[in-house]
Amino acid sequence: EVQLVESGGGSVQAGGSLKLSCVGSGFIFEDYGIGWFRQAPGKGREGIACISGSDGSTWYADSVKGRFFISSDHGLNTNFLQMTSLKVEDTAVYYCALSFEFCPNYGAVTDDFDYWGQGTQVAVSS
């Protein structure tokens, strides 16, 4: 059974950093794509980062490019999202997700992802 469990969320001031983790089980990271999405109150789910398990290629939404960094430790079956220079508008519930393809559509489309974690809350204050 495929499972994804996020952790690392919390409250931080603008300009600060957080590192989210996504621990996977029931699959091999090298065979799939892992993406991160976020959903702010009253808004749709936004794809923000994706990494291909095959070659480590990464994609980022313009809203986070240069501030967020996605990586994987295949030995630990864990994916990370390092978030720096956080802004108030980064406040959201963050989800990791698994795609049977390697980051289709640059990881931006929720329907391309087959398994989801439960989410972790990130709150950025001014």
Foldseek 3Di string as FASTA:
>chain_A
DKAWAKDWADEEAAQAKTKMKIAIPDDQQLQWKKWKWWDDPPGDIWTAKMAHSNPGDMAGDPVQPPFWDWDDDRVRNMIMIIGGSDDQVVWTWMKMFIASHRCPPRRTDPVRTDDIHPTDTHGYHD
